[in-house]
Amino acid sequence: MEQKSFSQRFILPVAIVLAAMIVSGVIYLHLAWRLGSGSFLGPIVSTVSACLFFASVGFGALYIYPTSYFRGASIAERIAACLVAPVIWNLKEMVRVSEFFTFGEMLYHGANTVFLLAIFGAFGQMGLSEMICRWRLGKRGDGPVKIFSPTPVIAICAGLAALYICLLWGFGVHFFYIYIDGYKAIFA
């Protein structure tokens, strides 16, 4: 497999996901409401931009990882590339809440349920993508390729565990109570 330039194997896939995240976020926050909920177009623009934003932050790794993989990116580059969008989104949210939270509270907010789910979900998607990429590499006849190995399986399990703990376990309420109890113990 030929290794492409850094801009082709790292910057371009990340830039595509970041562009989708930024454009859809701007449309959702600054344009959709101007169209009005009473208009035909407002709810459509709002829904489409929100879905694209969610997909870029929550599922960008499913595009970035295979794209980087087949362009010859190292495992460290693939992992870093997949984490850019959720980390930038979380940093933006931390800056946003810094308007009314103290610095410590802002940092604690950065470890909220949604961000943890985005990060662990990205790792789960990376594990799944790794196995799919290996399978595709083997199908192309590039020699015997080991599809299953401990690291991708552990990443998938971590993503599924985070999904259960942060979202499915009592619809996320139980983990949220733990998060709030931590907040009270530190800041109250």
Foldseek 3Di string as FASTA:
>chain_A
DAADDCCQLAVVLLVVLVVLQVVLVCCQPPPLCVCPPPDPVSVVSNVVSVVSNCCSQQPSLLRNQLSNVVNPHDPVRSLVRLCVRLVVVLVVVLVVCVVPDPNVVSVLVSPDLVSVLSSLSSLLSNLVSQLVSQVVCVVVPPDDGDSDDPRSVVSNVSNVVSCCQCAVVVRRPVVVVVSVVVCVVVPD
